[in-house]
């Protein structure tokens, strides 16, 4: 949501917006690494069933794919735009966006299941 909005601010050039975006993506990535680590650690302690493991590991796997494969490519493309280099056509932004939507939906699903089980355990 932040990405398109920053480009609507007065006096924000494409290069400046991309520079800001790189900083934001790096900060978000650090937070996602921390949260992913905490989730994995907590899964070892609560010993959930296989379904819960999968529900949490799928979005973490998508995050790892995004960070190891896509984010470096997108950062390089941002650097090319900032340097006024020609940018070849690609689908990397689209792939990143689709994975982000899938990750979001998986996290929502995992949260719903977690809350449902928490409510059920409180009601017992």
Protein backbone atom coordinates (compact mmCIF):
# COMPACT_ATOMS: atom_id res chain seq x y z
CA UNK A 1 0.00 0.00 0.00
CA UNK A 2 2.88 2.33 0.76
CA UNK A 3 4.58 1.90 -2.61
CA UNK A 4 2.06 3.63 -4.88
CA UNK A 5 1.21 6.26 -2.28
CA UNK A 6 4.75 7.60 -1.91
CA UNK A 7 4.84 8.42 -5.62
CA UNK A 8 1.78 10.67 -5.19
CA UNK A 9 3.59 12.93 -2.72
CA UNK A 10 4.63 16.31 -4.10
CA UNK A 11 8.19 16.56 -5.45
CA UNK A 12 8.86 12.79 -5.22
CA UNK A 13 10.83 11.70 -8.25
CA UNK A 14 10.93 8.10 -9.41
CA UNK A 15 14.53 7.78 -8.24
CA UNK A 16 13.73 9.23 -4.82
CA UNK A 17 10.63 7.03 -4.46
CA UNK A 18 12.61 3.93 -5.39
CA UNK A 19 15.35 4.87 -2.93
CA UNK A 20 12.75 5.21 -0.18
CA UNK A 21 11.17 1.93 -1.28
CA UNK A 22 14.49 0.09 -1.01
CA UNK A 23 14.91 1.30 2.58
CA UNK A 24 11.33 0.30 3.47
CA UNK A 25 11.65 -3.14 1.87
CA UNK A 26 14.89 -3.77 3.76
CA UNK A 27 13.24 -2.80 7.08
CA UNK A 28 10.15 -4.91 6.33
CA UNK A 29 12.35 -7.82 5.38
CA UNK A 30 14.21 -7.65 8.69
CA UNK A 31 10.91 -7.62 10.58
CA UNK A 32 9.60 -10.59 8.55
CA UNK A 33 12.79 -12.56 9.30
CA UNK A 34 12.32 -11.86 13.01
CA UNK A 35 8.62 -12.79 12.97
CA UNK A 36 9.27 -15.92 10.90
CA UNK A 37 11.97 -17.00 13.34
CA UNK A 38 9.63 -16.45 16.28
CA UNK A 39 6.85 -18.43 14.60
CA UNK A 40 9.12 -21.36 13.81
CA UNK A 41 10.52 -21.33 17.34
CA UNK A 42 7.03 -21.22 18.85
CA UNK A 43 5.90 -24.13 16.66
CA UNK A 44 8.61 -26.29 18.21
CA UNK A 45 7.35 -25.43 21.68
CA UNK A 46 3.61 -25.88 21.08
CA UNK A 47 4.05 -29.01 18.95
CA UNK A 48 1.05 -28.46 16.64
CA UNK A 49 -0.36 -30.99 14.22
CA UNK A 50 0.85 -31.29 10.63
CA UNK A 51 -1.89 -28.99 9.26
CA UNK A 52 -0.80 -26.10 11.49
CA UNK A 53 2.87 -26.63 10.57
CA UNK A 54 1.96 -26.44 6.88
CA UNK A 55 -0.26 -23.40 7.34
CA UNK A 56 2.57 -21.49 8.98
CA UNK A 57 5.46 -22.83 6.91
CA UNK A 58 3.83 -22.05 3.54
CA UNK A 59 3.83 -18.25 4.02
CA UNK A 60 7.30 -18.43 5.58
CA UNK A 61 8.48 -20.39 2.53
CA UNK A 62 6.99 -17.77 0.22
CA UNK A 63 8.73 -15.06 2.23
CA UNK A 64 12.07 -16.88 1.90
CA UNK A 65 11.57 -17.26 -1.86
CA UNK A 66 10.76 -13.56 -2.12
CA UNK A 67 13.84 -12.58 -0.11
CA UNK A 68 16.37 -14.92 -1.63
CA UNK A 69 15.23 -14.85 -5.25
CA UNK A 70 12.92 -11.94 -6.06
CA UNK A 71 13.96 -9.09 -3.78
CA UNK A 72 17.59 -9.00 -4.98
CA UNK A 73 16.35 -8.88 -8.59
CA UNK A 74 13.88 -6.10 -7.78
CA UNK A 75 16.55 -4.13 -5.88
CA UNK A 76 18.87 -4.43 -8.88
CA UNK A 77 16.09 -3.22 -11.18
CA UNK A 78 15.44 -0.26 -8.84
CA UNK A 79 19.15 0.59 -8.99
CA UNK A 80 18.96 0.47 -12.79
CA UNK A 81 16.03 2.92 -12.81
CA UNK A 82 17.79 5.21 -10.32
CA UNK A 83 20.89 5.17 -12.58
CA UNK A 84 18.77 5.89 -15.68
CA UNK A 85 19.81 2.58 -17.24
CA UNK A 86 17.47 0.87 -19.71
CA UNK A 87 15.21 -1.59 -17.96
CA UNK A 88 14.35 -4.85 -19.71
CA UNK A 89 10.76 -6.06 -19.54
CA UNK A 90 10.06 -8.50 -16.73
CA UNK A 91 7.31 -10.07 -14.67
CA UNK A 92 9.23 -9.99 -11.37
CA UNK A 93 7.03 -7.28 -9.80
CA UNK A 94 3.92 -9.18 -10.82
CA UNK A 95 5.28 -12.46 -9.40
CA UNK A 96 6.27 -10.69 -6.16
CA UNK A 97 2.79 -9.17 -5.88
CA UNK A 98 1.01 -12.47 -6.50
CA UNK A 99 3.18 -14.20 -3.90
CA UNK A 100 2.44 -11.37 -1.47
CA UNK A 101 -1.33 -11.87 -1.93
CA UNK A 102 -0.99 -15.64 -1.50
CA UNK A 103 1.15 -15.13 1.61
CA UNK A 104 -1.41 -12.71 3.04
CA UNK A 105 -4.29 -15.14 2.45
CA UNK A 106 -2.34 -18.00 4.03
CA UNK A 107 -1.55 -15.89 7.09
CA UNK A 108 -5.22 -14.91 7.43
CA UNK A 109 -6.23 -18.59 7.15
CA UNK A 110 -3.63 -19.64 9.72
CA UNK A 111 -4.80 -16.88 12.06
CA UNK A 112 -8.43 -17.93 11.74
CA UNK A 113 -7.57 -21.55 12.53
CA UNK A 114 -5.38 -20.45 15.46
CA UNK A 115 -8.15 -18.24 16.89
CA UNK A 116 -10.79 -20.94 16.37
CA UNK A 117 -8.66 -23.47 18.26
CA UNK A 118 -7.91 -20.92 21.01
CA UNK A 119 -11.62 -20.16 21.44
CA UNK A 120 -12.46 -23.87 21.48
CA UNK A 121 -9.84 -24.54 24.15
CA UNK A 122 -11.15 -21.68 26.32
CA UNK A 123 -14.73 -22.96 25.99
CA UNK A 124 -13.78 -26.45 27.22
